[in-house]
Protein backbone atom coordinates (compact mmCIF):
# COMPACT_ATOMS: atom_id res chain seq x y z
CA MET A 1 9.29 -5.22 -8.07
CA LEU A 2 6.13 -3.38 -9.14
CA HIS A 3 7.13 -0.36 -7.12
CA GLY A 4 10.51 -0.30 -8.85
CA LEU A 5 8.79 -0.46 -12.22
CA THR A 6 6.60 2.45 -11.16
CA LEU A 7 9.67 4.53 -10.36
CA LEU A 8 11.21 3.60 -13.72
CA PHE A 9 7.94 4.53 -15.44
CA ALA A 10 7.94 7.92 -13.69
CA VAL A 11 11.52 8.62 -14.78
CA ILE A 12 10.88 7.63 -18.40
CA ALA A 13 7.64 9.63 -18.49
CA GLY A 14 9.50 12.65 -17.12
CA ILE A 15 12.18 12.40 -19.78
CA LEU A 16 9.60 12.09 -22.58
CA LEU A 17 7.51 14.99 -21.28
CA ALA A 18 10.58 17.18 -20.90
CA ALA A 19 11.62 16.34 -24.45
CA VAL A 20 8.45 17.80 -25.99
CA PRO A 21 9.06 21.51 -25.25
CA SER A 22 12.79 20.99 -25.80
CA LEU A 23 12.15 19.53 -29.24
CA LEU A 24 9.77 22.37 -30.06
CA TRP A 25 12.44 24.88 -29.05
CA PHE A 26 15.02 23.12 -31.20
CA ILE A 27 12.75 23.25 -34.26
CA LEU A 28 12.06 26.95 -33.72
CA TRP A 29 15.76 27.59 -33.02
CA MET A 30 16.70 25.98 -36.34
CA ALA A 31 14.04 28.05 -38.10
CA GLY A 32 15.46 31.14 -36.38
CA LYS A 33 18.91 30.39 -37.69
CA ILE A 34 17.54 30.29 -41.22
CA ALA A 35 15.24 33.31 -40.83
CA HIS A 36 17.69 35.29 -38.67
CA PHE A 37 15.69 35.58 -35.43
CA ASN A 38 16.56 34.44 -31.94
CA VAL A 39 14.52 31.94 -29.91
CA PRO A 40 15.53 31.87 -26.22
CA PHE A 41 15.47 28.50 -24.51
CA ALA A 42 14.41 29.71 -21.03
CA PRO A 43 10.60 29.76 -21.59
CA PHE A 44 10.70 26.26 -23.08
CA GLY A 45 13.01 25.00 -20.33
CA TRP A 46 10.74 26.29 -17.57
CA THR A 47 7.72 24.82 -19.37
CA ALA A 48 9.46 21.44 -19.40
CA VAL A 49 10.21 21.71 -15.67
CA GLY A 50 6.58 22.62 -14.95
CA ILE A 51 5.15 19.77 -17.01
CA VAL A 52 7.45 17.19 -15.45
CA ALA A 53 6.81 18.47 -11.92
CA ALA A 54 3.04 18.35 -12.46
CA ALA A 55 3.24 14.81 -13.90
CA TRP A 56 5.38 13.59 -11.00
CA LEU A 57 3.02 15.14 -8.45
CA ILE A 58 0.06 13.40 -10.09
CA LEU A 59 1.89 10.06 -10.12
CA ALA A 60 2.97 10.55 -6.49
CA TYR A 61 -0.64 11.21 -5.48
CA GLY A 62 -1.79 8.08 -7.34
CA PHE A 63 0.89 5.99 -5.63
CA PHE A 64 0.75 7.31 -2.04
CA VAL A 65 -2.91 8.37 -1.77
CA GLY A 66 -5.09 7.25 -4.69
CA ARG A 67 -3.94 3.64 -4.45
CA PHE A 68 -5.43 3.32 -0.96
CA ARG A 69 -8.69 5.21 -1.35
CA LEU A 70 -11.72 2.99 -0.81
CA GLU A 71 -15.41 3.40 -1.56
CA THR A 72 -18.42 1.22 -0.89
CA LYS A 73 -21.20 1.19 -3.49
CA ALA A 74 -24.60 -0.21 -2.53
CA PHE A 75 -27.33 -1.25 -4.98
CA PRO A 76 -30.65 -3.09 -4.80
CA PHE A 77 -31.29 -5.82 -7.35
CA THR A 78 -34.90 -6.76 -7.89
CA HIS A 79 -35.88 -9.80 -9.93
CA GLN A 80 -38.92 -12.02 -10.15
CA ASP A 81 -36.83 -15.18 -9.72
CA VAL A 82 -35.43 -14.13 -6.33
CA PRO A 83 -37.19 -16.40 -3.79
CA SER A 84 -39.11 -14.54 -1.10
CA ASP A 85 -36.92 -16.25 1.51
CA PHE A 86 -33.92 -14.47 -0.04
CA ASN A 87 -35.52 -11.03 0.09
CA HIS A 88 -32.89 -8.56 1.36
CA TYR A 89 -30.15 -11.16 0.92
CA LYS A 90 -26.87 -9.20 0.90
CA ILE A 91 -24.07 -10.09 -1.51
CA VAL A 92 -20.76 -8.24 -1.15
CA GLN A 93 -18.61 -8.38 -4.28
CA ILE A 94 -14.87 -7.75 -4.26
CA SER A 95 -12.42 -8.30 -7.09
CA ASP A 96 -8.80 -8.08 -8.22
CA LEU A 97 -7.00 -8.02 -4.88
CA HIS A 98 -3.54 -8.31 -6.50
CA LEU A 99 -2.07 -8.69 -3.02
CA SER A 100 1.39 -7.35 -3.87
CA THR A 101 -0.35 -3.95 -3.96
CA PHE A 102 -0.18 -3.92 -0.17
CA ASN A 103 3.45 -4.93 0.35
CA ASP A 104 4.35 -1.44 1.57
CA ARG A 105 1.13 -0.93 3.56
CA PRO A 106 -0.49 -4.13 4.93
CA SER A 107 -2.68 -1.99 7.17
CA ALA A 108 -4.59 -0.86 4.07
CA LEU A 109 -5.68 -4.44 3.39
CA GLN A 110 -6.75 -4.81 7.01
CA ARG A 111 -8.90 -1.69 6.64
CA ILE A 112 -10.51 -3.15 3.52
CA VAL A 113 -11.29 -6.46 5.24
CA ASP A 114 -12.78 -4.59 8.21
CA SER A 115 -14.93 -2.53 5.82
CA ILE A 116 -16.20 -5.67 4.08
CA ASN A 117 -17.10 -7.35 7.37
CA ALA A 118 -18.83 -4.17 8.54
CA GLN A 119 -21.42 -4.74 5.79
CA VAL A 120 -22.47 -7.97 7.57
CA PRO A 121 -22.80 -9.84 4.25
CA ASP A 122 -24.79 -13.00 3.73
CA LEU A 123 -22.33 -13.98 0.99
CA ILE A 124 -19.01 -12.60 -0.25
CA CYS A 125 -18.25 -13.09 -3.96
CA PHE A 126 -14.67 -12.66 -5.14
CA THR A 127 -14.39 -12.36 -8.92
CA GLY A 128 -10.75 -13.26 -9.44
CA ASP A 129 -7.09 -12.19 -9.48
CA LEU A 130 -6.08 -12.85 -5.89
CA VAL A 131 -2.42 -12.54 -6.89
CA THR A 132 -0.39 -11.15 -9.77
CA THR A 133 2.51 -13.58 -10.17
CA GLY A 134 2.46 -16.37 -7.57
CA VAL A 135 1.18 -17.94 -4.36
CA ALA A 136 4.03 -16.48 -2.29
CA GLU A 137 2.46 -13.07 -2.88
CA ALA A 138 -0.56 -14.10 -0.79
CA LEU A 139 1.16 -15.82 2.14
CA PRO A 140 1.97 -12.69 4.21
CA TYR A 141 -1.73 -11.76 4.19
CA THR A 142 -3.22 -15.11 5.19
CA ASP A 143 -4.19 -14.01 8.70
CA ILE A 144 -5.89 -10.88 7.36
CA LEU A 145 -7.78 -12.71 4.61
CA LYS A 146 -8.99 -15.38 7.02
CA GLN A 147 -10.81 -12.63 8.91
CA LEU A 148 -13.27 -12.18 6.03
CA HIS A 149 -16.63 -13.45 7.19
CA ALA A 150 -20.05 -13.97 5.66
CA LYS A 151 -22.98 -16.06 6.84
CA ASP A 152 -22.86 -18.31 3.76
CA GLY A 153 -19.12 -18.07 3.21
CA ILE A 154 -16.99 -16.78 0.36
CA ALA A 155 -17.41 -17.88 -3.25
CA SER A 156 -14.54 -17.15 -5.64
CA VAL A 157 -13.32 -17.75 -9.18
CA PHE A 158 -9.97 -17.63 -10.96
CA GLY A 159 -8.99 -14.60 -13.02
CA ASN A 160 -6.33 -14.38 -15.69
CA HIS A 161 -3.53 -13.56 -13.22
CA ASP A 162 -4.48 -16.53 -11.04
CA PHE A 163 -3.27 -18.77 -13.87
CA LEU A 164 0.16 -17.13 -13.42
CA ILE A 165 0.61 -16.57 -17.15
CA TYR A 166 2.66 -13.43 -16.52
CA ASN A 167 5.26 -15.16 -14.34
CA HIS A 168 8.11 -16.07 -16.69
CA GLN A 169 10.15 -17.90 -14.05
CA PHE A 170 8.39 -21.19 -14.75
CA THR A 171 10.47 -23.41 -16.99
CA SER A 172 7.57 -25.62 -18.13
CA LYS A 173 3.80 -25.79 -18.35
CA ALA A 174 3.90 -28.48 -15.69
CA ASP A 175 5.64 -26.13 -13.24
CA ARG A 176 3.06 -23.44 -13.89
CA ALA A 177 0.19 -25.93 -13.50
CA ALA A 178 1.65 -27.08 -10.19
CA GLU A 179 1.76 -23.50 -8.91
CA VAL A 180 -1.83 -22.91 -10.04
CA ALA A 181 -2.81 -26.04 -8.11
CA ARG A 182 -1.04 -24.60 -5.06
CA LEU A 183 -3.08 -21.41 -5.39
CA GLU A 184 -6.28 -23.44 -5.72
CA ASN A 185 -5.38 -25.37 -2.57
CA TYR A 186 -4.53 -22.13 -0.78
CA GLU A 187 -7.95 -20.60 -1.47
CA ARG A 188 -9.87 -23.77 -0.62
CA GLU A 189 -7.93 -25.30 2.25
CA VAL A 190 -6.08 -22.40 3.88
CA LEU A 191 -8.56 -19.56 3.42
CA GLY A 192 -11.64 -21.78 3.41
CA TRP A 193 -13.15 -20.11 0.34
CA ARG A 194 -15.45 -21.99 -2.02
CA LEU A 195 -13.46 -21.73 -5.25
CA LEU A 196 -15.76 -22.42 -8.20
CA ARG A 197 -13.85 -23.79 -11.16
CA ASN A 198 -16.56 -24.33 -13.76
CA GLU A 199 -18.96 -25.49 -11.10
CA HIS A 200 -21.77 -24.08 -8.96
CA LEU A 201 -22.79 -23.60 -5.38
CA VAL A 202 -26.39 -23.93 -4.18
CA ILE A 203 -27.36 -21.84 -1.15
CA GLU A 204 -30.52 -23.05 0.58
CA LYS A 205 -32.84 -21.62 3.17
CA ASP A 206 -35.76 -23.08 5.07
CA SER A 207 -38.92 -21.69 3.52
CA LYS A 208 -41.06 -19.52 5.77
CA SER A 209 -44.21 -20.33 3.79
CA ASP A 210 -44.04 -24.14 3.66
CA ASN A 211 -41.90 -27.11 4.69
CA GLN A 212 -39.75 -26.96 1.55
CA ARG A 213 -36.38 -25.29 1.11
CA SER A 214 -35.76 -22.42 -1.31
CA SER A 215 -32.44 -21.70 -2.94
CA ILE A 216 -30.29 -19.54 -5.18
CA THR A 217 -27.35 -20.76 -7.25
CA ILE A 218 -23.91 -19.20 -7.57
CA ILE A 219 -22.20 -20.26 -10.82
CA GLY A 220 -18.45 -19.80 -11.19
CA VAL A 221 -16.22 -20.17 -14.25
CA ASP A 222 -12.50 -19.91 -14.83
CA ASN A 223 -11.28 -16.85 -16.73
CA CYS A 224 -12.89 -16.48 -20.17
CA SER A 225 -11.11 -13.99 -22.42
CA CYS A 226 -13.35 -13.22 -25.39
CA ALA A 227 -12.43 -11.77 -28.78
CA ASN A 228 -12.27 -8.01 -29.21
CA GLU A 229 -12.55 -7.32 -25.48
CA GLY A 230 -9.53 -5.72 -23.83
CA PHE A 231 -6.27 -7.57 -24.30
CA PRO A 232 -6.23 -11.35 -24.97
CA THR A 233 -5.40 -13.48 -21.93
CA LEU A 234 -6.71 -17.06 -21.79
CA TYR A 235 -9.98 -18.94 -22.11
CA ALA A 236 -10.35 -21.65 -19.47
CA GLY A 237 -14.03 -21.48 -18.61
CA ASP A 238 -16.88 -23.89 -19.31
CA LEU A 239 -20.21 -22.19 -18.70
CA SER A 240 -22.30 -25.17 -19.81
CA LYS A 241 -20.55 -27.46 -17.37
CA ALA A 242 -20.86 -24.93 -14.54
CA MET A 243 -24.60 -24.47 -15.18
CA GLU A 244 -25.44 -28.16 -15.48
CA GLY A 245 -28.27 -29.10 -13.15
CA THR A 246 -28.97 -25.55 -11.96
CA SER A 247 -32.37 -23.91 -11.67
CA GLY A 248 -34.08 -20.88 -10.17
CA PHE A 249 -32.29 -17.60 -9.50
CA ARG A 250 -28.69 -17.76 -10.70
CA VAL A 251 -25.70 -15.45 -10.16
CA LEU A 252 -22.70 -15.91 -12.46
CA LEU A 253 -19.18 -15.08 -11.29
CA THR A 254 -16.89 -14.58 -14.29
CA HIS A 255 -13.72 -12.53 -14.13
CA ASP A 256 -13.64 -11.02 -17.62
CA PRO A 257 -16.76 -8.92 -18.40
CA GLY A 258 -16.45 -9.67 -22.12
CA HIS A 259 -17.69 -13.16 -21.30
CA TRP A 260 -21.11 -11.76 -20.35
CA ARG A 261 -22.17 -10.54 -23.78
CA ALA A 262 -20.23 -13.24 -25.64
CA GLU A 263 -21.79 -16.23 -23.84
CA ALA A 264 -23.86 -15.51 -20.72
CA VAL A 265 -26.46 -13.35 -22.43
CA GLY A 266 -29.25 -15.66 -23.59
CA HIS A 267 -28.80 -18.10 -20.71
CA PRO A 268 -31.18 -17.93 -17.71
CA ILE A 269 -28.73 -15.91 -15.61
CA PRO A 270 -30.32 -12.73 -14.25
CA LEU A 271 -27.17 -11.36 -12.57
CA THR A 272 -23.51 -11.58 -13.57
CA LEU A 273 -20.62 -10.19 -11.50
CA SER A 274 -17.22 -9.44 -13.07
CA GLY A 275 -14.00 -7.52 -12.46
CA HIS A 276 -10.76 -7.55 -14.47
CA THR A 277 -10.82 -4.03 -15.92
CA HIS A 278 -9.90 -2.09 -12.73
CA SER A 279 -11.75 0.72 -14.58
CA GLY A 280 -8.29 1.34 -16.02
CA GLN A 281 -7.26 2.61 -12.53
CA VAL A 282 -7.83 6.10 -13.92
CA ARG A 283 -11.02 8.14 -14.31
CA LEU A 284 -11.13 11.37 -16.30
CA PHE A 285 -14.32 13.41 -16.17
CA ARG A 286 -16.12 10.35 -14.72
CA LYS A 287 -15.05 8.22 -17.68
CA ALA A 288 -13.07 5.07 -16.94
CA LEU A 289 -9.83 4.65 -18.87
CA SER A 290 -10.89 1.03 -19.52
CA ASP A 291 -13.74 2.31 -21.71
CA ILE A 292 -11.16 2.51 -24.49
CA SER A 293 -10.81 -1.25 -24.80
CA PHE A 294 -13.96 -2.74 -23.24
CA LYS A 295 -17.56 -2.42 -24.40
CA GLU A 296 -18.62 -2.90 -20.79
CA SER A 297 -15.86 -1.73 -18.48
CA ALA A 298 -17.32 -0.48 -15.16
CA GLY A 299 -20.64 -0.42 -13.34
CA TRP A 300 -24.04 -1.68 -14.48
CA PHE A 301 -25.09 -2.97 -17.90
CA ARG A 302 -28.44 -4.53 -18.79
CA THR A 303 -30.01 -6.28 -21.75
CA GLY A 304 -33.09 -8.47 -22.16
CA GLY A 305 -33.75 -8.87 -18.45
CA GLN A 306 -30.12 -9.75 -17.67
CA ALA A 307 -27.71 -7.54 -15.76
CA LEU A 308 -23.93 -7.30 -15.45
CA TYR A 309 -22.04 -5.46 -12.72
CA ILE A 310 -18.30 -4.77 -13.14
CA ASN A 311 -16.40 -4.04 -9.94
CA SER A 312 -13.43 -1.66 -10.26
CA GLY A 313 -11.22 -3.90 -8.13
CA ILE A 314 -9.24 -3.39 -4.96
CA GLY A 315 -5.60 -3.94 -5.90
CA CYS A 316 -3.45 -2.72 -8.76
CA THR A 317 -1.24 -4.06 -11.50
CA LEU A 318 0.64 -0.77 -11.89
CA PRO A 319 0.43 0.57 -8.30
CA ILE A 320 -1.29 3.86 -9.12
CA ARG A 321 -4.96 4.87 -8.95
CA LEU A 322 -6.19 8.29 -10.07
CA ASN A 323 -9.77 9.29 -9.25
CA CYS A 324 -10.58 5.58 -9.24
CA PRO A 325 -10.84 4.24 -5.67
CA ALA A 326 -10.79 0.59 -4.73
CA GLU A 327 -14.33 -0.72 -4.60
CA ILE A 328 -16.53 -2.80 -2.33
CA THR A 329 -19.89 -3.53 -3.99
CA VAL A 330 -22.93 -4.35 -1.88
CA ILE A 331 -25.86 -5.86 -3.82
CA THR A 332 -29.09 -6.53 -1.93
CA LEU A 333 -31.43 -9.01 -3.60
CA LEU A 334 -35.10 -8.03 -3.56
CA SER A 335 -37.93 -10.39 -4.34
CA THR A 336 -41.12 -9.42 -6.16
CA LYS A 337 -42.98 -12.34 -4.62
């Protein structure tokens, strides 16, 4: 379906682009009739052909090549609250799989999973949007997804698409809620991921310095769409509930990066991981298209000793990426102790 919409988009874009030089010619032709001079159509016609051809080539590149480019970004993260036993602890973040992206090339998803496993992560964090419209979208990729491996497992949260609010086939809220419950069961029971729905996960290690155990806490909230950030989706998170009883070094998984500045800043959460923006799936002169609608749209942001990292995602909503590869983020925790 998405691929058909892409083709329709390309056709409509071609028509609109071709209309610009044609309209300009028509205006000049009318002026020529009044002022008694001739304006030939050929230069404008060939300009239209050139513009449309260039646009279609760019879109074709984004669809056939750009959509499947992949890059791995590695960063150290040093903080005084990281326990010494978690020094060099490796977190791999992935986001926004949107699995229908791979319907025409499942091998691309296999390559991504192999690349993630090659990092030998201690923990994989998935920051939401496994699917775009429904659980059926994920089923063909179950065997591939089950290959993901990390020493301490896979922690995940729900993004806006995981609540299936863009699937208009549901006849009632109850039907949609039932499908969301199916997706929750799929992640937890079939894939074996630790889905954090306004809750937290404590990861413990035996201390090398004494007989006690040290730990870090992974906090996960449902999608939190905040005012004036991107386009409104839904607010289903409860940060206070998810944080209840936590202590020490905390990592927050929250799909929408607008939630960081709106609520997380000011809480004792040194590191927040988000996705959602896809960096707009287009970068021009190193600027993400998503910068237009998000204050924080891609990469690192810091304030008052707190940091946010926004992953550019792996899948697509519109199946085109231009100068904006899918991203695997590797964050290595470093202790100052």
